[in-house]
Amino acid sequence: MNDRHDIATPGRTKEIINKHGFSFKKSLGQNFLIDSNILNKIVDAADLNEQRGALEIGPGIGALTERLARQAHNVTAVEIDQRLLPILQDSLGDYDNVRVRHGDVLKVDLQELFREDFANVDKVSVVANLPYYVTTPILMKLLEEKLPLDNIVVMIQKEVAQRMAAAPGGKDYGSLSIAVQYYCIPELVCIVPKTVFIPQPNVESAVIRLKLREEPPVHVQDEQHFFELMQACFVQRRKTIANNLKTRYFSGSDREQLEQLLAEAGIEPSRRGETLSIEEYGRLSDVFLAAGIR
């Protein structure tokens, strides 16, 4: 459905900003989207319908919010900037299925929010144009809290999206790739040029879709240990996995035990962290735990 009053146009966005005397705060990473085609791609990727809910983080002046309201049963938008609340009330006044909450999503009790706002829907998608400076903390909070999510569709910095979707062996593959892919199946939807924002950011963006897994790709005995061990292997990317693990878990005299455990997990000591698959990290974590090494 298109509407001549869509917020996501340069003219309408400037009109709203001028009407309310709004000024952008660089510290909040505010860049408003002014391109309907990009919005269509974001909303289409979220696979919404009248039985589903949507959680938006950082709605700005409501450009994406109104599109979500047309597709979903109900929308909750969490906005940290109090100055935007009256603007959102004005711009979204025609939609009775939208709830705007004031708060920092990193501090919000999301379990409670889901119980209060999404009790009457089948599935929930997170859909957002995320501020670049808090992309990773927000996404990891959403994933680690094991919320009843179907998918997450977000606009983020292009390089970060590429790292999330990267396969083992390349320069983009690292601890973020593994952390995201443990919980989700990532898919790059599109690359977004700087020109479709007011104001223009300094970097290119990308839309990524994270489809939540029903089961992780590897079953590990201790998730926290798995993540800690995996991160230890990337502390110094140019070092071998043996040298990184030795620094984190062993004293100088234990090199032989380390090599024995790596052999038990079927991993060559000379490999680097970016060459190991999630399955190999899972196997290594379980071998370490069996040997009592935390």
Protein backbone atom coordinates (compact mmCIF):
# COMPACT_ATOMS: atom_id res chain seq x y z
CA MET A 1 0.00 0.00 0.00
CA ASN A 2 1.37 3.42 -0.96
CA ASP A 3 0.20 6.72 0.34
CA ARG A 4 1.04 10.20 -0.89
CA HIS A 5 1.62 11.21 2.72
CA ASP A 6 4.39 8.63 3.29
CA ILE A 7 6.98 9.93 5.72
CA ALA A 8 9.90 8.36 3.82
CA THR A 9 10.35 11.08 1.21
CA PRO A 10 12.81 14.00 1.34
CA GLY A 11 10.01 16.60 1.23
CA ARG A 12 7.83 15.03 3.93
CA THR A 13 10.81 14.33 6.21
CA LYS A 14 12.02 17.94 5.96
CA GLU A 15 8.46 19.17 6.53
CA ILE A 16 8.17 17.17 9.77
CA ILE A 17 11.63 18.19 10.98
CA ASN A 18 10.92 21.88 10.30
CA LYS A 19 7.44 21.76 11.81
CA HIS A 20 8.79 20.48 15.12
CA GLY A 21 12.11 22.34 15.05
CA PHE A 22 13.98 19.06 15.38
CA SER A 23 17.79 19.00 15.31
CA PHE A 24 19.81 15.82 14.81
CA LYS A 25 22.00 14.51 17.64
CA LYS A 26 25.17 12.99 16.29
CA SER A 27 25.71 11.20 19.61
CA LEU A 28 22.52 9.17 19.00
CA GLY A 29 23.49 8.18 15.45
CA GLN A 30 20.33 9.68 13.97
CA ASN A 31 20.03 9.20 10.19
CA PHE A 32 16.46 9.20 8.83
CA LEU A 33 15.62 7.07 5.79
CA ILE A 34 14.00 8.91 2.87
CA ASP A 35 13.69 6.14 0.28
CA SER A 36 10.47 4.12 -0.11
CA ASN A 37 12.12 1.33 -2.13
CA ILE A 38 14.57 0.54 0.66
CA LEU A 39 11.72 0.57 3.19
CA ASN A 40 9.79 -1.88 1.02
CA LYS A 41 12.78 -4.26 0.98
CA ILE A 42 13.12 -4.06 4.77
CA VAL A 43 9.43 -4.72 5.44
CA ASP A 44 9.20 -7.49 2.80
CA ALA A 45 12.19 -9.27 4.39
CA ALA A 46 10.43 -9.25 7.79
CA ASP A 47 7.62 -11.44 6.39
CA LEU A 48 4.88 -9.72 8.39
CA ASN A 49 1.14 -10.28 8.30
CA GLU A 50 -1.96 -9.49 10.35
CA GLN A 51 -1.18 -12.26 12.84
CA ARG A 52 2.37 -11.07 13.56
CA GLY A 53 3.91 -8.34 15.69
CA ALA A 54 6.87 -6.06 15.07
CA LEU A 55 9.34 -4.49 17.49
CA GLU A 56 11.13 -1.43 16.15
CA ILE A 57 14.18 0.09 17.81
CA GLY A 58 14.84 3.78 17.17
CA PRO A 59 11.80 4.77 15.08
CA GLY A 60 13.01 8.35 14.50
CA ILE A 61 10.07 10.25 13.01
CA GLY A 62 8.16 7.08 12.09
CA ALA A 63 9.03 6.37 8.42
CA LEU A 64 9.54 2.65 8.95
CA THR A 65 6.99 2.49 11.76
CA GLU A 66 4.08 3.44 9.52
CA ARG A 67 5.04 0.76 6.99
CA LEU A 68 5.17 -1.83 9.78
CA ALA A 69 1.80 -0.67 11.10
CA ARG A 70 0.23 -1.35 7.69
CA GLN A 71 1.60 -4.91 7.56
CA ALA A 72 1.63 -6.21 11.15
CA HIS A 73 -1.04 -6.85 13.77
CA ASN A 74 0.70 -4.46 16.14
CA VAL A 75 3.94 -2.53 16.44
CA THR A 76 5.93 -1.46 19.49
CA ALA A 77 8.62 1.15 18.87
CA VAL A 78 11.28 1.91 21.50
CA GLU A 79 12.76 5.41 21.20
CA ILE A 80 15.56 6.76 23.40
CA ASP A 81 15.23 10.43 22.35
CA GLN A 82 12.43 12.09 24.30
CA ARG A 83 12.26 14.95 21.76
CA LEU A 84 10.89 12.52 19.18
CA LEU A 85 7.91 11.34 21.23
CA PRO A 86 5.56 14.23 20.31
CA ILE A 87 6.69 13.99 16.68
CA LEU A 88 5.84 10.29 16.60
CA GLN A 89 2.50 10.94 18.26
CA ASP A 90 1.75 13.42 15.50
CA SER A 91 3.12 11.47 12.51
CA LEU A 92 1.60 8.13 13.56
CA GLY A 93 -1.72 9.48 14.79
CA ASP A 94 -3.67 7.53 12.14
CA TYR A 95 -2.44 4.14 13.37
CA ASP A 96 -4.12 2.68 16.45
CA ASN A 97 -1.94 -0.47 16.39
CA VAL A 98 1.30 1.35 17.26
CA ARG A 99 2.69 1.78 20.77
CA VAL A 100 5.70 4.03 21.33
CA ARG A 101 7.78 3.37 24.44
CA HIS A 102 10.38 5.83 25.68
CA GLY A 103 13.59 4.13 26.78
CA ASP A 104 17.01 2.72 26.02
CA VAL A 105 16.49 -0.74 24.52
CA LEU A 106 19.71 -1.92 26.19
CA LYS A 107 18.07 -1.24 29.58
CA VAL A 108 14.50 -2.27 28.77
CA ASP A 109 13.19 -5.55 30.23
CA LEU A 110 12.45 -7.20 26.89
CA GLN A 111 10.86 -10.31 28.39
CA GLU A 112 8.29 -8.09 30.13
CA LEU A 113 7.79 -5.98 27.00
CA PHE A 114 7.03 -9.11 24.98
CA ARG A 115 4.56 -10.36 27.59
CA GLU A 116 2.74 -7.01 27.66
CA ASP A 117 2.79 -6.05 23.98
CA PHE A 118 2.91 -9.29 21.99
CA ALA A 119 0.66 -11.70 23.90
CA ASN A 120 -1.89 -11.78 21.06
CA VAL A 121 0.36 -12.47 18.06
CA ASP A 122 1.78 -15.66 16.53
CA LYS A 123 5.32 -14.47 15.90
CA VAL A 124 7.38 -11.30 16.34
CA SER A 125 9.98 -9.69 14.09
CA VAL A 126 12.48 -7.05 15.15
CA VAL A 127 12.71 -4.48 12.35
CA ALA A 128 14.94 -1.45 12.71
CA ASN A 129 17.35 1.08 11.28
CA LEU A 130 19.87 0.68 14.09
CA PRO A 131 22.30 3.37 15.26
CA TYR A 132 25.73 2.14 14.15
CA TYR A 133 27.46 2.80 17.46
CA VAL A 134 25.29 0.28 19.37
CA THR A 135 24.47 -2.27 16.68
CA THR A 136 26.33 -5.22 18.19
CA PRO A 137 25.23 -4.75 21.83
CA ILE A 138 21.59 -4.44 20.76
CA LEU A 139 21.66 -7.50 18.52
CA MET A 140 23.49 -9.64 21.07
CA LYS A 141 20.96 -8.65 23.75
CA LEU A 142 18.09 -9.66 21.46
CA LEU A 143 19.74 -13.01 20.72
CA GLU A 144 21.08 -13.91 24.17
CA GLU A 145 17.73 -13.27 25.88
CA LYS A 146 16.18 -16.06 23.77
CA LEU A 147 13.10 -14.00 22.96
CA PRO A 148 10.26 -15.59 20.96
CA LEU A 149 11.44 -14.05 17.69
CA ASP A 150 10.92 -15.26 14.13
CA ASN A 151 13.47 -12.99 12.52
CA ILE A 152 15.45 -9.78 12.88
CA VAL A 153 15.69 -7.42 9.91
CA VAL A 154 18.00 -4.48 10.49
CA MET A 155 19.82 -1.77 8.61
CA ILE A 156 23.38 -1.58 9.88
CA GLN A 157 26.85 -0.57 8.72
CA LYS A 158 27.76 -2.56 5.59
CA GLU A 159 31.05 -3.88 6.98
CA VAL A 160 29.32 -5.15 10.14
CA ALA A 161 26.65 -6.92 8.06
CA GLN A 162 29.35 -8.57 5.96
CA ARG A 163 31.10 -9.80 9.10
CA MET A 164 27.84 -11.26 10.46
CA ALA A 165 27.23 -13.19 7.24
CA ALA A 166 30.86 -14.23 6.59
CA ALA A 167 31.92 -17.85 6.10
CA PRO A 168 35.06 -19.35 7.68
CA GLY A 169 38.39 -18.59 6.02
CA GLY A 170 37.93 -14.96 5.00
CA LYS A 171 39.04 -11.68 6.54
CA ASP A 172 35.45 -10.79 7.55
CA TYR A 173 34.93 -14.00 9.56
CA GLY A 174 35.45 -13.61 13.29
CA SER A 175 33.86 -13.84 16.72
CA LEU A 176 30.87 -11.72 15.63
CA SER A 177 30.19 -14.06 12.68
CA ILE A 178 30.18 -17.09 14.97
CA ALA A 179 28.10 -15.44 17.73
CA VAL A 180 25.41 -14.36 15.24
CA GLN A 181 25.43 -17.61 13.25
CA TYR A 182 25.11 -19.69 16.42
CA TYR A 183 21.66 -18.16 16.91
CA CYS A 184 20.62 -17.24 13.35
CA ILE A 185 20.90 -17.87 9.64
CA PRO A 186 22.08 -14.51 8.19
CA GLU A 187 21.14 -13.24 4.74
CA LEU A 188 22.24 -9.95 3.18
CA VAL A 189 19.13 -8.32 1.70
CA CYS A 190 20.63 -5.26 0.01
CA ILE A 191 23.39 -2.66 0.14
CA VAL A 192 22.13 0.85 0.93
CA PRO A 193 23.91 3.98 -0.36
CA LYS A 194 24.57 7.01 1.87
CA THR A 195 22.32 9.19 -0.29
CA VAL A 196 19.03 7.76 1.00
CA PHE A 197 19.44 9.28 4.46
CA ILE A 198 19.03 12.69 6.08
CA PRO A 199 21.68 13.52 7.18
CA GLN A 200 23.98 11.30 5.13
CA PRO A 201 26.14 8.94 7.22
CA ASN A 202 29.87 8.57 6.55
CA VAL A 203 29.60 4.90 5.59
CA GLU A 204 27.53 2.63 3.40
CA SER A 205 24.80 0.57 5.02
CA ALA A 206 23.26 -2.84 4.43
CA VAL A 207 20.01 -4.55 5.31
CA ILE A 208 20.54 -7.97 6.86
CA ARG A 209 17.93 -10.59 7.73
CA LEU A 210 18.68 -12.88 10.66
CA LYS A 211 16.36 -15.89 10.69
CA LEU A 212 16.30 -17.33 14.22
CA ARG A 213 17.32 -20.98 14.41
CA GLU A 214 15.07 -23.44 16.22
CA GLU A 215 18.23 -25.28 17.32
CA PRO A 216 21.85 -24.07 17.29
CA PRO A 217 24.07 -25.58 14.55
CA VAL A 218 26.14 -27.33 17.23
CA HIS A 219 25.13 -28.58 20.67
CA VAL A 220 27.70 -27.68 23.31
CA GLN A 221 27.91 -28.63 26.98
CA ASP A 222 28.35 -25.03 28.14
CA GLU A 223 27.39 -22.06 25.93
CA GLN A 224 29.31 -19.51 27.99
CA HIS A 225 32.50 -21.59 27.80
CA PHE A 226 31.99 -22.08 24.05
CA PHE A 227 31.78 -18.31 23.47
CA GLU A 228 34.70 -17.51 25.79
CA LEU A 229 36.97 -20.08 24.14
CA MET A 230 35.96 -18.93 20.67
CA GLN A 231 36.67 -15.29 21.52
CA ALA A 232 40.07 -16.25 22.98
CA CYS A 233 41.02 -17.65 19.57
CA PHE A 234 40.54 -14.21 17.99
CA VAL A 235 42.38 -12.08 20.57
CA GLN A 236 45.27 -11.73 18.13
CA ARG A 237 44.05 -12.69 14.67
CA ARG A 238 47.55 -13.15 13.24
CA LYS A 239 48.48 -15.69 15.91
CA THR A 240 47.80 -19.40 15.55
CA ILE A 241 44.95 -20.95 17.51
CA ALA A 242 47.53 -22.76 19.67
CA ASN A 243 49.28 -19.52 20.65
CA ASN A 244 46.03 -17.70 21.43
CA LEU A 245 44.72 -20.59 23.54
CA LYS A 246 48.06 -20.99 25.32
CA THR A 247 47.92 -17.35 26.40
CA ARG A 248 44.37 -17.70 27.72
CA TYR A 249 44.32 -21.18 29.25
CA PHE A 250 47.83 -22.56 29.80
CA SER A 251 51.15 -21.78 31.43
CA GLY A 252 54.38 -22.26 29.48
CA SER A 253 54.87 -25.87 30.55
CA ASP A 254 51.48 -27.07 29.28
CA ARG A 255 52.11 -26.84 25.54
CA GLU A 256 52.04 -30.63 25.23
CA GLN A 257 48.61 -30.89 26.87
CA LEU A 258 47.26 -28.14 24.62
CA GLU A 259 48.46 -29.92 21.49
CA GLN A 260 46.97 -33.18 22.78
CA LEU A 261 43.56 -31.55 23.29
CA LEU A 262 43.68 -29.93 19.83
CA ALA A 263 44.51 -33.32 18.33
CA GLU A 264 41.58 -34.87 20.22
CA ALA A 265 39.31 -32.23 18.67
CA GLY A 266 40.82 -32.88 15.24
CA ILE A 267 42.33 -29.40 14.89
CA GLU A 268 45.85 -28.57 13.69
CA PRO A 269 47.67 -26.25 16.18
CA SER A 270 49.01 -24.13 13.30
CA ARG A 271 45.54 -23.04 12.14
CA ARG A 272 44.23 -19.55 12.83
CA GLY A 273 40.93 -18.71 14.47
CA GLU A 274 39.23 -17.54 11.27
CA THR A 275 39.61 -20.99 9.65
CA LEU A 276 37.56 -22.90 12.24
CA SER A 277 33.86 -23.62 11.74
CA ILE A 278 31.26 -23.28 14.47
CA GLU A 279 31.17 -27.09 14.71
CA GLU A 280 34.94 -27.20 15.31
CA TYR A 281 34.70 -24.56 18.05
CA GLY A 282 31.91 -26.58 19.66
CA ARG A 283 34.00 -29.75 19.57
CA LEU A 284 37.02 -27.93 21.02
CA SER A 285 34.97 -26.40 23.83
CA ASP A 286 33.61 -29.80 24.84
CA VAL A 287 37.12 -31.34 24.75
CA PHE A 288 38.45 -28.56 27.01
CA LEU A 289 35.57 -29.01 29.46
CA ALA A 290 36.09 -32.80 29.57
CA ALA A 291 39.70 -32.09 30.55
CA GLY A 292 38.54 -29.70 33.28
CA ILE A 293 39.91 -26.61 31.54
CA ARG A 294 37.78 -23.52 31.93
